[in-house]
Amino acid sequence: CALICANDYATSPVTGSGRLIFGVGAGLITVFIRYFGASTEGAVYGILIMNLLVPFIERLTAPRRFGRPTKARL
């Protein structure tokens, strides 16, 4: 699941720090679901939940344009 679904171009973050946040978040959600829950599909749920958060991750990790003043991102 992690090799195929997490690398999907349409739903994964573009920036390097966004990818790191996505991977760590999906991993933590997977661990919590598999450890505390009865479901064995923790990786699928972790990736789906993090896919919902990709627009927010992209907004937080967007690089600043050269020559532009810094704005509040949220």
Protein backbone atom coordinates (compact mmCIF):
# COMPACT_ATOMS: atom_id res chain seq x y z
CA CYS A 1 0.00 0.00 0.00
CA ALA A 2 2.79 2.43 0.90
CA LEU A 3 4.69 1.73 -2.32
CA ILE A 4 1.73 2.26 -4.62
CA CYS A 5 -0.89 4.50 -2.97
CA ALA A 6 1.37 6.92 -1.10
CA ASN A 7 3.36 7.75 -4.25
CA ASP A 8 0.33 8.75 -6.30
CA TYR A 9 1.11 12.01 -8.13
CA ALA A 10 -2.41 13.36 -7.93
CA THR A 11 -2.71 13.24 -4.14
CA SER A 12 0.81 13.44 -2.72
CA PRO A 13 2.48 16.74 -1.74
CA VAL A 14 4.92 18.39 -4.14
CA THR A 15 7.42 19.97 -1.74
CA GLY A 16 10.05 17.94 0.08
CA SER A 17 8.98 19.06 3.53
CA GLY A 18 5.36 18.35 2.59
CA ARG A 19 6.31 14.81 1.61
CA LEU A 20 8.06 14.35 4.94
CA ILE A 21 5.00 15.57 6.86
CA PHE A 22 2.76 13.33 4.73
CA GLY A 23 4.90 10.24 5.35
CA VAL A 24 5.27 10.77 9.08
CA GLY A 25 1.56 11.51 9.47
CA ALA A 26 0.50 8.46 7.48
CA GLY A 27 2.91 6.30 9.45
CA LEU A 28 1.68 7.55 12.83
CA ILE A 29 -1.96 7.09 11.86
CA THR A 30 -1.17 3.57 10.64
CA VAL A 31 0.54 2.68 13.91
CA PHE A 32 -2.33 4.05 16.01
CA ILE A 33 -4.99 2.24 13.98
CA ARG A 34 -3.13 -1.08 13.98
CA TYR A 35 -2.12 -0.91 17.64
CA PHE A 36 -5.29 0.44 19.23
CA GLY A 37 -7.91 -0.78 16.75
CA ALA A 38 -9.05 -4.13 15.48
CA SER A 39 -8.65 -3.20 11.80
CA THR A 40 -5.66 -4.52 9.85
CA GLU A 41 -6.07 -1.92 7.06
CA GLY A 42 -4.31 0.84 9.00
CA ALA A 43 -2.05 1.82 6.09
CA VAL A 44 -4.99 2.42 3.78
CA TYR A 45 -6.81 4.56 6.34
CA GLY A 46 -3.61 6.45 7.17
CA ILE A 47 -3.02 7.35 3.53
CA LEU A 48 -6.66 8.31 2.98
CA ILE A 49 -6.70 10.60 6.01
CA MET A 50 -3.43 12.24 4.98
CA ASN A 51 -4.77 12.68 1.42
CA LEU A 52 -7.52 14.81 2.93
CA LEU A 53 -4.87 17.00 4.57
CA VAL A 54 -2.65 17.48 1.49
CA PRO A 55 -4.07 20.93 0.54
CA PHE A 56 -3.32 22.21 4.04
CA ILE A 57 0.16 20.69 4.01
CA GLU A 58 0.85 22.31 0.63
CA ARG A 59 -0.30 25.68 1.91
CA LEU A 60 1.96 25.41 4.97
CA THR A 61 5.05 24.26 3.07
CA ALA A 62 4.76 26.42 -0.06
CA PRO A 63 8.07 28.13 -0.86
CA ARG A 64 8.21 31.93 -0.78
CA ARG A 65 8.48 33.59 -4.17
CA PHE A 66 11.74 35.43 -4.73
CA GLY A 67 11.34 39.18 -4.31
CA ARG A 68 7.91 39.02 -2.68
CA PRO A 69 7.22 40.03 0.92
CA THR A 70 6.21 37.29 3.32
CA LYS A 71 2.46 36.96 3.96
CA ALA A 72 0.58 35.08 6.61
CA ARG A 73 -0.08 31.67 5.07
CA LEU A 74 -3.16 30.77 7.05
